[in-house]
Amino acid sequence: MKLEAPGLENEIVRLELLTEADRAAVEGTGVDEAMWTWMPVIPTGTNLNTYFDLAMHDWKAGTMVPFKIYRQEDGAFAGFVGYVAVSRTHRRLRIGWLWHPPEMRGTAVVPATQLLLIQRALDARIRRIEYAFPEENERAIRAMEKIGVRQEGVLRDYMRTAGGTWANVVVMSLVESEAKAAIALLEDRVRALQQA
């Protein structure tokens, strides 16, 4: 299965390839101002247009598969995410450039999105799934640890954030067997949030 194949959905969220046509559609969602807290600086700027430009460039280059996220129950825009640093030769990728609107954080949208991404990566025969978070983003790091993502180390002064600070980056990963266990934990988390 290809990473970008259609049908990437479950009962909570639907992921669709991000396209140039989406640029205008998401401008009014508030994402442009709110998504930059943990994002790396992009050489051409920190705004929605530069995000789109880089995503489209990397998609054409074969190193990124960018998605937009929608909540199934009402079709609401639920954010962005991408497979980045894709290496088909080494069967590895990073799940990154993730942003959800504040009102969807802490809901089933978040684990349902991760569930889809991890399952699709496994279906595409990916053996290693990486995550990289600024060290200050403790909430994201703890959330990944809860599903079995293992911390591998810290890269010091690795990245300049869109806010202008330099961030130490925590590198985390799942390998194939761990990814399967993470799927089961994410399924449980989605169920629990739906019942709450």
C-alpha atoms as a PDB file:
ATOM      1  CA  MET A   1       0.000   0.000   0.000  1.00  0.00           C
ATOM      2  CA  LYS A   2       1.183   3.529  -0.756  1.00  0.00           C
ATOM      3  CA  LEU A   3       1.372   6.117   2.027  1.00  0.00           C
ATOM      4  CA  GLU A   4      -0.721   8.513  -0.032  1.00  0.00           C
ATOM      5  CA  ALA A   5      -3.424   6.005  -1.030  1.00  0.00           C
ATOM      6  CA  PRO A   6      -7.012   7.228  -0.561  1.00  0.00           C
ATOM      7  CA  GLY A   7      -9.266   5.865   2.169  1.00  0.00           C
ATOM      8  CA  LEU A   8      -7.287   7.061   5.174  1.00  0.00           C
ATOM      9  CA  GLU A   9     -10.174   7.361   7.621  1.00  0.00           C
ATOM     10  CA  ASN A  10     -11.888   5.903  10.645  1.00  0.00           C
ATOM     11  CA  GLU A  11     -15.120   6.838  12.408  1.00  0.00           C
ATOM     12  CA  ILE A  12     -13.500   9.884  14.064  1.00  0.00           C
ATOM     13  CA  VAL A  13     -11.293  11.515  11.412  1.00  0.00           C
ATOM     14  CA  ARG A  14     -10.574  11.565   7.715  1.00  0.00           C
ATOM     15  CA  LEU A  15      -7.159  12.440   6.270  1.00  0.00           C
ATOM     16  CA  GLU A  16      -6.880  13.711   2.719  1.00  0.00           C
ATOM     17  CA  LEU A  17      -3.842  14.751   0.743  1.00  0.00           C
ATOM     18  CA  LEU A  18      -3.094  18.438   1.101  1.00  0.00           C
ATOM     19  CA  THR A  19      -3.248  20.143  -2.276  1.00  0.00           C
ATOM     20  CA  GLU A  20      -2.674  23.602  -3.618  1.00  0.00           C
ATOM     21  CA  ALA A  21      -6.449  24.003  -3.867  1.00  0.00           C
ATOM     22  CA  ASP A  22      -6.664  23.792  -0.054  1.00  0.00           C
ATOM     23  CA  ARG A  23      -4.635  26.946   0.513  1.00  0.00           C
ATOM     24  CA  ALA A  24      -7.567  29.354   0.281  1.00  0.00           C
ATOM     25  CA  ALA A  25      -9.973  27.017   2.086  1.00  0.00           C
ATOM     26  CA  VAL A  26      -7.999  26.931   5.338  1.00  0.00           C
ATOM     27  CA  GLU A  27      -7.022  30.602   5.487  1.00  0.00           C
ATOM     28  CA  GLY A  28     -10.129  31.509   7.464  1.00  0.00           C
ATOM     29  CA  THR A  29      -9.789  28.720  10.026  1.00  0.00           C
ATOM     30  CA  GLY A  30      -7.437  30.575  12.378  1.00  0.00           C
ATOM     31  CA  VAL A  31      -4.662  28.089  11.701  1.00  0.00           C
ATOM     32  CA  ASP A  32      -2.347  30.732  10.278  1.00  0.00           C
ATOM     33  CA  GLU A  33      -1.896  32.502  13.598  1.00  0.00           C
ATOM     34  CA  ALA A  34      -2.147  29.541  15.948  1.00  0.00           C
ATOM     35  CA  MET A  35      -0.009  26.755  14.487  1.00  0.00           C
ATOM     36  CA  TRP A  36       3.481  28.117  15.033  1.00  0.00           C
ATOM     37  CA  THR A  37       4.149  27.452  18.718  1.00  0.00           C
ATOM     38  CA  TRP A  38       6.236  24.331  18.105  1.00  0.00           C
ATOM     39  CA  MET A  39       6.829  24.522  14.370  1.00  0.00           C
ATOM     40  CA  PRO A  40      10.348  24.900  13.017  1.00  0.00           C
ATOM     41  CA  VAL A  41      11.175  28.113  11.253  1.00  0.00           C
ATOM     42  CA  ILE A  42      10.742  27.853   7.500  1.00  0.00           C
ATOM     43  CA  PRO A  43      13.434  29.742   5.565  1.00  0.00           C
ATOM     44  CA  THR A  44      10.896  31.787   3.623  1.00  0.00           C
ATOM     45  CA  GLY A  45       8.759  32.783   6.614  1.00  0.00           C
ATOM     46  CA  THR A  46       6.314  31.586   9.233  1.00  0.00           C
ATOM     47  CA  ASN A  47       2.888  31.810   7.730  1.00  0.00           C
ATOM     48  CA  LEU A  48       0.390  29.543   6.052  1.00  0.00           C
ATOM     49  CA  ASN A  49       1.671  30.283   2.556  1.00  0.00           C
ATOM     50  CA  THR A  50       5.215  29.210   3.413  1.00  0.00           C
ATOM     51  CA  TYR A  51       3.862  26.043   5.048  1.00  0.00           C
ATOM     52  CA  PHE A  52       1.934  25.232   1.876  1.00  0.00           C
ATOM     53  CA  ASP A  53       4.879  26.083  -0.377  1.00  0.00           C
ATOM     54  CA  LEU A  54       7.228  23.791   1.535  1.00  0.00           C
ATOM     55  CA  ALA A  55       4.671  20.980   1.788  1.00  0.00           C
ATOM     56  CA  MET A  56       3.994  21.104  -1.953  1.00  0.00           C
ATOM     57  CA  HIS A  57       7.726  21.210  -2.745  1.00  0.00           C
ATOM     58  CA  ASP A  58       8.571  18.273  -0.468  1.00  0.00           C
ATOM     59  CA  TRP A  59       5.570  16.282  -1.732  1.00  0.00           C
ATOM     60  CA  LYS A  60       6.830  16.666  -5.317  1.00  0.00           C
ATOM     61  CA  ALA A  61      10.335  15.698  -4.169  1.00  0.00           C
ATOM     62  CA  GLY A  62       8.979  12.503  -2.573  1.00  0.00           C
ATOM     63  CA  THR A  63      10.162  13.297   0.966  1.00  0.00           C
ATOM     64  CA  MET A  64       6.817  14.330   2.450  1.00  0.00           C
ATOM     65  CA  VAL A  65       3.211  13.220   2.240  1.00  0.00           C
ATOM     66  CA  PRO A  66       1.117  16.127   3.611  1.00  0.00           C
ATOM     67  CA  PHE A  67      -2.446  15.683   4.852  1.00  0.00           C
ATOM     68  CA  LYS A  68      -5.313  17.833   6.014  1.00  0.00           C
ATOM     69  CA  ILE A  69      -7.513  16.383   8.754  1.00  0.00           C
ATOM     70  CA  TYR A  70     -11.304  16.552   9.040  1.00  0.00           C
ATOM     71  CA  ARG A  71     -13.543  15.485  11.912  1.00  0.00           C
ATOM     72  CA  GLN A  72     -16.046  12.959  10.585  1.00  0.00           C
ATOM     73  CA  GLU A  73     -19.076  13.915  12.713  1.00  0.00           C
ATOM     74  CA  ASP A  74     -19.407  17.420  11.269  1.00  0.00           C
ATOM     75  CA  GLY A  75     -16.741  17.765   8.564  1.00  0.00           C
ATOM     76  CA  ALA A  76     -14.887  20.389  10.609  1.00  0.00           C
ATOM     77  CA  PHE A  77     -11.291  21.147   9.690  1.00  0.00           C
ATOM     78  CA  ALA A  78      -9.184  19.328  12.306  1.00  0.00           C
ATOM     79  CA  GLY A  79      -5.637  20.241  11.345  1.00  0.00           C
ATOM     80  CA  PHE A  80      -2.571  19.247   9.380  1.00  0.00           C
ATOM     81  CA  VAL A  81      -0.037  16.432   9.615  1.00  0.00           C
ATOM     82  CA  GLY A  82       2.528  14.859   7.359  1.00  0.00           C
ATOM     83  CA  TYR A  83       4.803  11.951   6.831  1.00  0.00           C
ATOM     84  CA  VAL A  84       8.144  13.723   6.584  1.00  0.00           C
ATOM     85  CA  ALA A  85      11.730  12.617   5.943  1.00  0.00           C
ATOM     86  CA  VAL A  86      10.296   9.633   4.073  1.00  0.00           C
ATOM     87  CA  SER A  87      12.923   7.085   3.065  1.00  0.00           C
ATOM     88  CA  ARG A  88      11.393   4.235   1.107  1.00  0.00           C
ATOM     89  CA  THR A  89      14.845   2.626   0.761  1.00  0.00           C
ATOM     90  CA  HIS A  90      15.291   2.386   4.512  1.00  0.00           C
ATOM     91  CA  ARG A  91      11.550   2.005   5.179  1.00  0.00           C
ATOM     92  CA  ARG A  92      11.391   4.806   7.694  1.00  0.00           C
ATOM     93  CA  LEU A  93       9.574   8.082   8.114  1.00  0.00           C
ATOM     94  CA  ARG A  94       8.732  10.733  10.666  1.00  0.00           C
ATOM     95  CA  ILE A  95       5.238  11.784  11.639  1.00  0.00           C
ATOM     96  CA  GLY A  96       5.449  15.523  11.981  1.00  0.00           C
ATOM     97  CA  TRP A  97       4.174  18.965  11.150  1.00  0.00           C
ATOM     98  CA  LEU A  98       1.175  18.059  13.267  1.00  0.00           C
ATOM     99  CA  TRP A  99      -1.269  20.742  14.299  1.00  0.00           C
ATOM    100  CA  HIS A 100      -4.812  20.401  15.689  1.00  0.00           C
ATOM    101  CA  PRO A 101      -7.096  23.336  16.540  1.00  0.00           C
ATOM    102  CA  PRO A 102      -7.084  23.986  20.314  1.00  0.00           C
ATOM    103  CA  GLU A 103     -10.718  22.925  20.711  1.00  0.00           C
ATOM    104  CA  MET A 104      -9.925  19.446  19.337  1.00  0.00           C
ATOM    105  CA  ARG A 105      -6.954  18.750  21.591  1.00  0.00           C
ATOM    106  CA  GLY A 106      -7.850  16.309  24.346  1.00  0.00           C
ATOM    107  CA  THR A 107     -10.579  14.773  22.193  1.00  0.00           C
ATOM    108  CA  ALA A 108     -10.694  11.520  20.234  1.00  0.00           C
ATOM    109  CA  VAL A 109      -9.476  13.437  17.162  1.00  0.00           C
ATOM    110  CA  VAL A 110      -5.859  13.333  18.365  1.00  0.00           C
ATOM    111  CA  PRO A 111      -5.437   9.581  19.043  1.00  0.00           C
ATOM    112  CA  ALA A 112      -7.641   8.709  16.043  1.00  0.00           C
ATOM    113  CA  THR A 113      -5.282  10.676  13.796  1.00  0.00           C
ATOM    114  CA  GLN A 114      -2.212   8.918  15.215  1.00  0.00           C
ATOM    115  CA  LEU A 115      -3.955   5.565  14.875  1.00  0.00           C
ATOM    116  CA  LEU A 116      -4.525   6.109  11.164  1.00  0.00           C
ATOM    117  CA  LEU A 117      -0.995   7.335  10.544  1.00  0.00           C
ATOM    118  CA  ILE A 118       0.718   4.469  12.339  1.00  0.00           C
ATOM    119  CA  GLN A 119      -1.524   1.820  10.751  1.00  0.00           C
ATOM    120  CA  ARG A 120      -0.994   3.234   7.243  1.00  0.00           C
ATOM    121  CA  ALA A 121       2.774   3.328   7.793  1.00  0.00           C
ATOM    122  CA  LEU A 122       2.752  -0.348   8.777  1.00  0.00           C
ATOM    123  CA  ASP A 123       0.521  -1.198   5.818  1.00  0.00           C
ATOM    124  CA  ALA A 124       3.095   0.526   3.583  1.00  0.00           C
ATOM    125  CA  ARG A 125       5.800  -1.728   5.067  1.00  0.00           C
ATOM    126  CA  ILE A 126       7.494   1.032   7.043  1.00  0.00           C
ATOM    127  CA  ARG A 127       9.707  -0.433   9.784  1.00  0.00           C
ATOM    128  CA  ARG A 128      10.597   2.702  11.755  1.00  0.00           C
ATOM    129  CA  ILE A 129       8.299   5.592  12.684  1.00  0.00           C
ATOM    130  CA  GLU A 130      10.005   8.618  14.192  1.00  0.00           C
ATOM    131  CA  TYR A 131       8.791  11.625  16.132  1.00  0.00           C
ATOM    132  CA  ALA A 132      10.768  14.752  17.010  1.00  0.00           C
ATOM    133  CA  PHE A 133       9.499  17.274  19.549  1.00  0.00           C
ATOM    134  CA  PRO A 134      11.009  20.393  21.060  1.00  0.00           C
ATOM    135  CA  GLU A 135      12.016  19.425  24.589  1.00  0.00           C
ATOM    136  CA  GLU A 136       9.665  22.059  26.037  1.00  0.00           C
ATOM    137  CA  ASN A 137       6.659  20.331  24.447  1.00  0.00           C
ATOM    138  CA  GLU A 138       6.314  18.010  27.424  1.00  0.00           C
ATOM    139  CA  ARG A 139       2.647  17.342  26.771  1.00  0.00           C
ATOM    140  CA  ALA A 140       3.345  15.808  23.361  1.00  0.00           C
ATOM    141  CA  ILE A 141       6.301  13.804  24.660  1.00  0.00           C
ATOM    142  CA  ARG A 142       4.251  12.348  27.552  1.00  0.00           C
ATOM    143  CA  ALA A 143       1.373  11.529  25.194  1.00  0.00           C
ATOM    144  CA  MET A 144       3.706   9.582  22.913  1.00  0.00           C
ATOM    145  CA  GLU A 145       5.290   7.738  25.836  1.00  0.00           C
ATOM    146  CA  LYS A 146       1.819   6.603  26.954  1.00  0.00           C
ATOM    147  CA  ILE A 147       1.406   4.673  23.698  1.00  0.00           C
ATOM    148  CA  GLY A 148       4.878   3.124  23.859  1.00  0.00           C
ATOM    149  CA  VAL A 149       6.898   5.522  21.716  1.00  0.00           C
ATOM    150  CA  ARG A 150      10.463   5.269  23.001  1.00  0.00           C
ATOM    151  CA  GLN A 151      12.740   8.205  23.614  1.00  0.00           C
ATOM    152  CA  GLU A 152      16.118   7.804  21.921  1.00  0.00           C
ATOM    153  CA  GLY A 153      17.884  10.990  22.887  1.00  0.00           C
ATOM    154  CA  VAL A 154      18.022  14.757  22.770  1.00  0.00           C
ATOM    155  CA  LEU A 155      19.575  16.767  19.949  1.00  0.00           C
ATOM    156  CA  ARG A 156      20.835  19.974  21.543  1.00  0.00           C
ATOM    157  CA  ASP A 157      20.140  23.354  19.906  1.00  0.00           C
ATOM    158  CA  TYR A 158      18.849  21.379  16.937  1.00  0.00           C
ATOM    159  CA  MET A 159      16.113  23.627  15.634  1.00  0.00           C
ATOM    160  CA  ARG A 160      15.080  27.251  15.539  1.00  0.00           C
ATOM    161  CA  THR A 161      11.367  27.510  16.189  1.00  0.00           C
ATOM    162  CA  ALA A 162       9.014  29.826  14.376  1.00  0.00           C
ATOM    163  CA  GLY A 163       8.923  31.877  17.581  1.00  0.00           C
ATOM    164  CA  GLY A 164      12.640  32.576  17.215  1.00  0.00           C
ATOM    165  CA  THR A 165      13.982  30.419  20.051  1.00  0.00           C
ATOM    166  CA  TRP A 166      16.427  27.539  19.708  1.00  0.00           C
ATOM    167  CA  ALA A 167      15.039  24.178  20.749  1.00  0.00           C
ATOM    168  CA  ASN A 168      16.578  20.992  21.982  1.00  0.00           C
ATOM    169  CA  VAL A 169      14.711  18.241  20.142  1.00  0.00           C
ATOM    170  CA  VAL A 170      13.664  14.938  21.693  1.00  0.00           C
ATOM    171  CA  VAL A 171      13.894  12.102  19.169  1.00  0.00           C
ATOM    172  CA  MET A 172      11.443   9.253  19.693  1.00  0.00           C
ATOM    173  CA  SER A 173      10.481   6.208  17.667  1.00  0.00           C
ATOM    174  CA  LEU A 174       8.442   3.087  17.216  1.00  0.00           C
ATOM    175  CA  VAL A 175       9.778   0.054  15.420  1.00  0.00           C
ATOM    176  CA  GLU A 176       7.483  -2.462  13.804  1.00  0.00           C
ATOM    177  CA  SER A 177       6.494  -4.572  16.834  1.00  0.00           C
ATOM    178  CA  GLU A 178       6.131  -1.488  19.060  1.00  0.00           C
ATOM    179  CA  ALA A 179       3.939   0.175  16.440  1.00  0.00           C
ATOM    180  CA  LYS A 180       1.512  -2.737  16.565  1.00  0.00           C
ATOM    181  CA  ALA A 181       1.269  -2.405  20.356  1.00  0.00           C
ATOM    182  CA  ALA A 182       0.752   1.371  19.991  1.00  0.00           C
ATOM    183  CA  ILE A 183      -2.208   0.742  17.688  1.00  0.00           C
ATOM    184  CA  ALA A 184      -3.947  -1.320  20.375  1.00  0.00           C
ATOM    185  CA  LEU A 185      -3.334   1.401  22.981  1.00  0.00           C
ATOM    186  CA  LEU A 186      -4.626   4.095  20.623  1.00  0.00           C
ATOM    187  CA  GLU A 187      -7.762   2.071  19.897  1.00  0.00           C
ATOM    188  CA  ASP A 188      -8.401   1.853  23.654  1.00  0.00           C
ATOM    189  CA  ARG A 189      -7.797   5.602  24.035  1.00  0.00           C
ATOM    190  CA  VAL A 190     -10.231   6.455  21.228  1.00  0.00           C
ATOM    191  CA  ARG A 191     -12.913   4.225  22.801  1.00  0.00           C
ATOM    192  CA  ALA A 192     -12.400   5.793  26.226  1.00  0.00           C
ATOM    193  CA  LEU A 193     -12.681   9.329  24.851  1.00  0.00           C
ATOM    194  CA  GLN A 194     -15.811   8.456  22.882  1.00  0.00           C
ATOM    195  CA  GLN A 195     -17.471   7.103  26.023  1.00  0.00           C
ATOM    196  CA  ALA A 196     -16.486  10.075  28.191  1.00  0.00           C
END
